[in-house]
């Protein structure tokens, strides 16, 4: 059988990481041998910021009109209940991507739905645990209203608690509809944090706000006083290159080491660069992992037996640039490898060294419930899709 597998891909809008969806697709085809690439066809569908209605409309169009075999793309866990019924009724496979802004839901997910994630929440938990162990005392978190709507700060908090923290100060910048800048708000918060004599500061910002935070922090008295710990996004190459030569020292966490000499990582980067002319990203890694999975099960996908497909993915593990990965959200999910990084922006480009190995949060840990209850509403757009 030589049937083409049709994949509907939900494309969200992002001013911060505009190429994330295309990088995933390019990563997917990097994993597929050239002879078999014609067996997969993508149908992109724009979903703007990923609201309920737009996602539902896109999924219905892809299933009813395009008759795709698989629904994929970047969506939030928050919209999954809105599209589960049509996926199950039409016996379609769903394989979604996310950055890990939310923990997996406490309630069970349809067996037809799988996720591949950057697991930012795991990296945040590891950061909180490491920061508390390394710096001890009392920490503080400073974030925007946007970051406060996700699980990342709760995961950091739980990591610090697991490492012995008794309290942690939490500061959320108020939303001001009159201006999109935060540089006028930050000095008063820096002053509060300085007066509270905390032992480390964790900052959670993205996009333009992340750049404004770094600029204001460098100018504040906190700059030379307390260690700065930032989110994985704030430590990406795209953000760091804007603060090069600023002589800052900070800490973050990563689930994928671009510079790893591991053979699988080097092979991936080489093939991706040759095929696309681009430097590999974390999004390309996620697409590559999906390609490794689907490439090995092409005959099963072409048979079209949904029960067999679901059964195979539940049991499947791929070994790629991030190590072992699986995609079914139950208690058997493989814990990720997390690097704690020390970053210095004195040079151009900024330098990163692996300072330690982070501790991941076990999937059956009671902290899951605590993190969920600390953020009962939250945003429905995927993280960075603003």
Protein backbone atom coordinates (compact mmCIF):
# COMPACT_ATOMS: atom_id res chain seq x y z
CA UNK A 1 0.00 0.00 0.00
CA UNK A 2 1.33 3.45 -0.95
CA UNK A 3 -1.37 5.70 0.51
CA UNK A 4 -0.43 9.30 1.36
CA UNK A 5 -0.92 10.18 5.03
CA UNK A 6 -2.63 13.58 5.27
CA UNK A 7 -1.74 15.67 8.33
CA UNK A 8 -3.79 18.75 9.22
CA UNK A 9 -1.58 21.23 11.04
CA UNK A 10 -2.95 24.02 13.24
CA UNK A 11 -0.78 27.15 12.77
CA UNK A 12 -1.03 29.71 15.60
CA UNK A 13 0.16 33.31 15.30
CA UNK A 14 3.25 34.38 17.23
CA UNK A 15 5.15 37.64 17.03
CA UNK A 16 7.78 36.20 19.39
CA UNK A 17 8.59 32.91 17.65
CA UNK A 18 6.96 33.26 14.20
CA UNK A 19 8.68 30.21 12.70
CA UNK A 20 7.74 27.65 15.34
CA UNK A 21 5.18 25.79 13.21
CA UNK A 22 7.33 25.70 10.09
CA UNK A 23 10.29 24.50 12.15
CA UNK A 24 8.21 21.59 13.42
CA UNK A 25 7.23 20.57 9.89
CA UNK A 26 10.81 20.94 8.63
CA UNK A 27 12.00 18.86 11.58
CA UNK A 28 9.42 16.19 10.76
CA UNK A 29 10.65 15.76 7.19
CA UNK A 30 14.26 15.75 8.40
CA UNK A 31 13.49 12.45 10.15
CA UNK A 32 11.74 10.90 7.14
CA UNK A 33 13.99 9.23 4.53
CA UNK A 34 13.72 11.08 1.23
CA UNK A 35 12.17 8.06 -0.50
CA UNK A 36 9.16 8.15 1.84
CA UNK A 37 8.59 11.91 2.17
CA UNK A 38 5.99 11.81 -0.60
CA UNK A 39 3.91 9.58 1.67
CA UNK A 40 3.19 12.49 4.02
CA UNK A 41 1.31 15.67 3.11
CA UNK A 42 0.64 18.61 5.45
CA UNK A 43 -2.49 20.79 5.32
CA UNK A 44 -1.77 24.00 7.27
CA UNK A 45 -4.70 25.81 8.90
CA UNK A 46 -4.31 29.22 10.56
CA UNK A 47 -5.79 29.54 14.08
CA UNK A 48 -4.55 33.04 15.04
CA UNK A 49 -4.02 32.94 18.83
CA UNK A 50 -5.72 29.57 19.30
CA UNK A 51 -9.13 30.48 20.71
CA UNK A 52 -11.80 27.81 21.25
CA UNK A 53 -13.89 28.79 18.24
CA UNK A 54 -11.00 29.15 15.80
CA UNK A 55 -9.50 25.81 16.82
CA UNK A 56 -12.87 24.05 16.59
CA UNK A 57 -13.56 25.55 13.16
CA UNK A 58 -10.10 24.60 11.89
CA UNK A 59 -10.33 21.02 13.18
CA UNK A 60 -13.79 20.54 11.66
CA UNK A 61 -12.59 21.90 8.30
CA UNK A 62 -9.52 19.66 8.26
CA UNK A 63 -11.56 16.57 9.15
CA UNK A 64 -14.75 17.20 7.16
CA UNK A 65 -13.37 19.00 4.08
CA UNK A 66 -9.72 17.96 3.77
CA UNK A 67 -10.39 14.47 5.17
CA UNK A 68 -7.03 14.39 6.95
CA UNK A 69 -5.85 11.27 8.75
CA UNK A 70 -4.12 13.14 11.58
CA UNK A 71 -4.75 16.43 13.35
CA UNK A 72 -1.56 18.10 14.56
CA UNK A 73 -0.18 21.55 15.37
CA UNK A 74 0.46 23.77 18.37
CA UNK A 75 -2.50 24.03 20.75
CA UNK A 76 -3.14 24.49 24.45
CA UNK A 77 -4.41 21.76 26.73
CA UNK A 78 -7.20 24.20 27.59
CA UNK A 79 -8.92 23.74 24.21
CA UNK A 80 -8.65 19.95 24.03
CA UNK A 81 -12.12 19.36 25.58
CA UNK A 82 -13.62 21.44 22.74
CA UNK A 83 -12.30 19.18 19.97
CA UNK A 84 -12.19 15.77 21.62
CA UNK A 85 -15.70 14.75 20.51
CA UNK A 86 -15.14 15.23 16.77
CA UNK A 87 -11.73 13.52 16.93
CA UNK A 88 -13.25 10.47 18.63
CA UNK A 89 -16.42 10.37 16.50
CA UNK A 90 -14.41 10.50 13.29
CA UNK A 91 -11.80 8.08 14.65
CA UNK A 92 -8.93 10.43 13.90
CA UNK A 93 -5.49 10.51 15.46
CA UNK A 94 -4.35 13.78 17.09
CA UNK A 95 -0.69 14.51 17.72
CA UNK A 96 -0.23 18.00 19.18
CA UNK A 97 2.70 20.13 20.30
CA UNK A 98 3.09 22.53 23.18
CA UNK A 99 5.82 24.43 24.98
CA UNK A 100 4.94 23.06 28.40
CA UNK A 101 3.31 26.20 29.77
CA UNK A 102 0.72 23.94 31.40
CA UNK A 103 1.05 20.60 33.13
CA UNK A 104 -0.88 17.75 31.54
CA UNK A 105 -4.53 17.75 32.70
CA UNK A 106 -5.43 15.86 35.85
CA UNK A 107 -8.39 14.28 34.04
CA UNK A 108 -7.69 11.56 31.51
CA UNK A 109 -7.22 12.58 27.87
CA UNK A 110 -8.81 10.73 24.96
CA UNK A 111 -6.69 7.76 23.91
CA UNK A 112 -6.72 9.20 20.37
CA UNK A 113 -4.81 12.32 21.49
CA UNK A 114 -1.05 12.50 22.01
CA UNK A 115 1.31 15.35 22.81
CA UNK A 116 4.95 16.21 22.30
CA UNK A 117 6.11 19.00 24.58
CA UNK A 118 9.10 21.19 25.41
CA UNK A 119 7.97 20.68 29.04
CA UNK A 120 8.81 24.15 30.31
CA UNK A 121 6.99 23.23 33.53
CA UNK A 122 9.50 20.44 34.14
CA UNK A 123 12.39 22.82 33.57
CA UNK A 124 10.80 25.36 35.91
CA UNK A 125 10.39 22.74 38.62
CA UNK A 126 14.05 21.75 38.22
CA UNK A 127 15.08 25.42 38.33
CA UNK A 128 13.17 26.05 41.55
CA UNK A 129 14.61 22.94 43.16
CA UNK A 130 18.16 23.79 42.09
CA UNK A 131 17.95 27.49 43.04
CA UNK A 132 16.71 26.69 46.54
CA UNK A 133 19.36 24.02 47.08
CA UNK A 134 22.13 26.19 45.65
CA UNK A 135 21.28 29.61 47.10
CA UNK A 136 19.07 28.53 50.07
CA UNK A 137 17.20 31.14 52.10
CA UNK A 138 14.16 32.82 50.57
CA UNK A 139 13.58 33.47 46.90
CA UNK A 140 11.32 35.82 44.98
CA UNK A 141 9.44 35.53 41.69
CA UNK A 142 8.66 38.49 39.45
CA UNK A 143 6.38 38.06 36.44
CA UNK A 144 3.89 39.69 34.11
CA UNK A 145 0.15 39.05 34.18
CA UNK A 146 0.63 36.92 31.07
CA UNK A 147 3.11 34.51 32.69
CA UNK A 148 0.96 34.42 35.83
CA UNK A 149 -1.78 32.74 33.79
CA UNK A 150 0.25 29.59 33.18
CA UNK A 151 1.69 26.81 35.36
CA UNK A 152 5.36 27.69 35.05
CA UNK A 153 5.64 29.83 38.18
CA UNK A 154 3.70 27.23 40.18
CA UNK A 155 6.12 24.53 39.05
CA UNK A 156 9.10 26.68 40.10
CA UNK A 157 7.45 27.25 43.48
CA UNK A 158 6.87 23.53 44.02
CA UNK A 159 10.46 22.78 43.08
CA UNK A 160 11.70 25.27 45.67
CA UNK A 161 9.37 23.81 48.32
CA UNK A 162 10.61 20.28 47.57
CA UNK A 163 14.16 21.56 48.14
CA UNK A 164 13.29 22.99 51.56
CA UNK A 165 11.91 26.49 50.91
CA UNK A 166 9.50 27.66 53.59
CA UNK A 167 8.28 30.71 51.70
CA UNK A 168 8.82 32.58 48.46
CA UNK A 169 7.78 36.12 47.57
CA UNK A 170 5.56 36.45 44.49
CA UNK A 171 5.29 39.74 42.56
CA UNK A 172 2.99 40.20 39.55
CA UNK A 173 3.18 43.38 37.50
CA UNK A 174 -0.26 44.99 37.16
CA UNK A 175 -1.77 45.14 33.69
CA UNK A 176 -1.88 48.64 32.23
CA UNK A 177 -4.06 48.90 29.10
CA UNK A 178 -2.65 52.36 28.42
CA UNK A 179 0.86 51.12 27.67
CA UNK A 180 2.59 47.92 26.61
CA UNK A 181 5.85 48.89 28.32
CA UNK A 182 6.85 47.63 31.75
CA UNK A 183 10.02 49.68 32.25
CA UNK A 184 8.12 52.29 34.29
CA UNK A 185 6.73 49.59 36.61
CA UNK A 186 9.86 47.57 37.30
CA UNK A 187 11.85 50.02 39.51
CA UNK A 188 9.25 49.98 42.30
CA UNK A 189 9.19 46.18 42.27
CA UNK A 190 12.97 45.98 42.28
CA UNK A 191 12.96 48.25 45.34
CA UNK A 192 10.45 45.98 47.14
CA UNK A 193 12.53 42.91 46.32
CA UNK A 194 15.71 44.61 47.52
CA UNK A 195 14.09 45.58 50.82
CA UNK A 196 12.86 42.02 51.41
CA UNK A 197 16.44 40.69 51.41
CA UNK A 198 15.73 37.64 49.28
CA UNK A 199 18.55 35.30 48.28
CA UNK A 200 17.65 34.86 44.60
CA UNK A 201 15.20 36.24 42.03
CA UNK A 202 13.32 34.28 39.39
CA UNK A 203 12.05 36.37 36.45
CA UNK A 204 9.29 35.21 34.10
CA UNK A 205 8.77 37.39 31.02
CA UNK A 206 8.63 36.93 27.26
CA UNK A 207 9.00 38.92 24.08
CA UNK A 208 9.53 42.66 24.44
CA UNK A 209 8.89 42.49 28.18
CA UNK A 210 11.83 40.11 28.63
CA UNK A 211 14.14 42.61 26.93
CA UNK A 212 12.79 45.48 29.04
CA UNK A 213 13.30 43.41 32.19
CA UNK A 214 16.96 42.71 31.39
CA UNK A 215 17.61 46.38 30.62
CA UNK A 216 16.00 47.60 33.85
CA UNK A 217 17.56 44.87 35.98
CA UNK A 218 21.03 45.81 34.73
CA UNK A 219 20.35 49.40 35.83
CA UNK A 220 18.99 48.45 39.25
CA UNK A 221 20.81 47.91 42.53
CA UNK A 222 19.73 44.26 42.43
CA UNK A 223 22.10 43.64 39.54
CA UNK A 224 25.16 43.14 41.71
CA UNK A 225 23.31 41.89 44.79
CA UNK A 226 21.36 38.72 44.11
CA UNK A 227 21.52 35.80 41.62
CA UNK A 228 19.12 36.00 38.69
CA UNK A 229 17.26 32.89 37.50
CA UNK A 230 15.23 33.16 34.28
CA UNK A 231 12.80 31.02 32.29
CA UNK A 232 13.96 28.76 29.46
CA UNK A 233 12.49 31.21 26.95
CA UNK A 234 14.44 34.14 28.43
CA UNK A 235 17.64 32.11 27.96
CA UNK A 236 17.09 31.32 24.28
CA UNK A 237 19.65 32.46 21.74
CA UNK A 238 17.14 34.89 20.20
CA UNK A 239 16.72 36.72 23.53
CA UNK A 240 20.34 36.51 24.69
CA UNK A 241 21.70 37.99 21.48
CA UNK A 242 19.86 41.22 22.32
CA UNK A 243 21.71 41.58 25.65
CA UNK A 244 25.19 40.51 24.55
CA UNK A 245 28.11 42.47 26.01
CA UNK A 246 25.97 43.42 29.02
CA UNK A 247 28.20 41.57 31.52
CA UNK A 248 25.28 39.77 33.13
CA UNK A 249 25.45 36.40 34.85
CA UNK A 250 22.27 34.38 35.12
CA UNK A 251 20.91 30.85 35.42
CA UNK A 252 18.29 28.91 33.51
CA UNK A 253 17.32 25.38 32.46
CA UNK A 254 17.15 23.56 29.15
CA UNK A 255 15.63 20.32 27.93
CA UNK A 256 17.81 20.21 24.83
CA UNK A 257 21.49 21.07 24.57
CA UNK A 258 22.15 22.35 21.04
CA UNK A 259 25.90 21.90 21.51
CA UNK A 260 25.69 18.32 22.80
CA UNK A 261 28.22 16.05 21.10
CA UNK A 262 25.82 13.12 21.31
CA UNK A 263 25.82 11.30 17.96
CA UNK A 264 22.05 11.51 17.54
CA UNK A 265 22.08 15.26 18.17
CA UNK A 266 24.93 15.89 15.74
CA UNK A 267 23.22 13.79 13.06
CA UNK A 268 19.96 15.67 13.46
CA UNK A 269 21.59 19.11 13.27
CA UNK A 270 23.62 18.15 10.22
CA UNK A 271 20.66 16.74 8.24
CA UNK A 272 18.40 19.64 9.26
CA UNK A 273 20.94 22.27 8.20
CA UNK A 274 21.59 20.50 4.89
CA UNK A 275 17.90 20.15 4.09
CA UNK A 276 16.65 23.55 5.21
CA UNK A 277 19.68 25.86 5.32
CA UNK A 278 18.61 26.84 8.83
CA UNK A 279 20.00 26.34 12.31
CA UNK A 280 17.98 23.77 14.26
CA UNK A 281 15.61 24.92 17.00
CA UNK A 282 13.77 23.20 19.84
CA UNK A 283 10.64 23.23 17.67
CA UNK A 284 12.53 21.43 14.92
CA UNK A 285 13.58 18.84 17.51
CA UNK A 286 9.93 18.18 18.42
CA UNK A 287 9.02 17.78 14.75
CA UNK A 288 11.99 15.47 14.25
CA UNK A 289 10.79 13.26 17.12
CA UNK A 290 7.35 13.07 15.52
CA UNK A 291 9.03 12.13 12.24
CA UNK A 292 11.04 9.38 13.92
CA UNK A 293 7.81 7.98 15.32
CA UNK A 294 5.70 8.21 12.17
CA UNK A 295 8.52 7.06 9.90
CA UNK A 296 8.88 3.78 11.75
CA UNK A 297 5.12 3.17 11.73
CA UNK A 298 4.32 4.22 8.14
CA UNK A 299 2.95 0.76 7.19
CA UNK A 300 0.62 0.88 10.22
CA UNK A 301 -0.54 4.41 9.35
CA UNK A 302 -1.23 3.37 5.76
CA UNK A 303 -3.40 0.46 6.91
CA UNK A 304 -5.61 3.02 8.63
CA UNK A 305 -6.65 0.88 11.60
CA UNK A 306 -7.05 3.57 14.28
CA UNK A 307 -7.03 1.09 17.16
CA UNK A 308 -3.75 -0.40 16.00
CA UNK A 309 -2.24 3.07 15.48
CA UNK A 310 -3.20 4.23 18.97
CA UNK A 311 -1.94 0.98 20.51
CA UNK A 312 1.42 1.38 18.76
CA UNK A 313 1.96 5.00 19.83
CA UNK A 314 1.07 4.18 23.43
CA UNK A 315 3.90 1.68 23.52
CA UNK A 316 6.38 3.55 21.29
CA UNK A 317 9.55 5.33 22.40
CA UNK A 318 11.88 7.29 20.13
CA UNK A 319 15.53 8.03 20.85
CA UNK A 320 16.45 11.43 19.44
CA UNK A 321 18.37 14.63 20.23
CA UNK A 322 16.59 14.96 23.60
CA UNK A 323 17.09 11.30 24.49
CA UNK A 324 14.21 8.89 25.04
CA UNK A 325 10.75 10.34 24.41
CA UNK A 326 7.24 8.96 24.47
CA UNK A 327 3.94 10.72 23.91
CA UNK A 328 1.06 9.18 25.86
CA UNK A 329 0.16 11.18 28.96
CA UNK A 330 0.01 8.61 31.69
CA UNK A 331 2.28 7.75 34.61
CA UNK A 332 4.72 5.87 32.37
CA UNK A 333 5.96 9.01 30.58
CA UNK A 334 9.74 9.17 30.48
CA UNK A 335 11.21 11.87 32.74
CA UNK A 336 13.15 14.44 30.70
CA UNK A 337 16.85 15.21 30.96
CA UNK A 338 17.25 18.77 32.23
CA UNK A 339 20.43 20.85 32.22
CA UNK A 340 20.88 23.71 34.68
CA UNK A 341 22.82 26.35 32.76
CA UNK A 342 25.02 29.21 33.88
CA UNK A 343 24.97 31.98 31.30
CA UNK A 344 27.37 34.87 30.89
CA UNK A 345 26.55 37.73 28.53
CA UNK A 346 29.91 39.45 28.76
CA UNK A 347 30.99 38.11 25.39
CA UNK A 348 29.47 38.02 21.92
CA UNK A 349 27.81 35.58 21.65
CA UNK A 350 26.75 34.83 25.23
CA UNK A 351 28.28 31.69 26.72
CA UNK A 352 26.47 28.81 28.40
CA UNK A 353 27.93 26.08 30.56
CA UNK A 354 26.06 23.17 32.12
CA UNK A 355 26.32 23.83 35.86
CA UNK A 356 24.29 20.86 37.07
CA UNK A 357 21.64 18.29 36.18
CA UNK A 358 18.11 19.26 37.14
CA UNK A 359 15.62 17.06 38.99
CA UNK A 360 12.35 16.43 37.14
CA UNK A 361 8.94 16.23 38.80
CA UNK A 362 7.62 12.63 38.88
CA UNK A 363 4.27 12.29 37.14
CA UNK A 364 2.55 10.79 40.16
CA UNK A 365 3.74 13.53 42.54
CA UNK A 366 1.08 15.27 44.72
CA UNK A 367 2.57 18.60 43.57
CA UNK A 368 0.62 18.12 40.32
CA UNK A 369 -2.62 18.88 42.14
CA UNK A 370 -1.12 21.87 43.96
CA UNK A 371 0.14 23.44 40.74
CA UNK A 372 -3.22 22.95 39.02
CA UNK A 373 -5.18 24.49 41.90
CA UNK A 374 -2.92 27.55 41.98
CA UNK A 375 -3.98 28.41 38.43
CA UNK A 376 -7.60 27.44 37.91
CA UNK A 377 -8.35 29.65 34.88
CA UNK A 378 -5.42 30.62 32.68
CA UNK A 379 -4.96 31.62 29.08
CA UNK A 380 -6.17 29.45 26.22
CA UNK A 381 -3.60 30.61 23.70
CA UNK A 382 -0.43 28.53 23.46
CA UNK A 383 2.53 30.15 25.21
CA UNK A 384 4.31 32.83 23.13
CA UNK A 385 1.35 32.99 20.72
CA UNK A 386 0.73 36.70 21.22
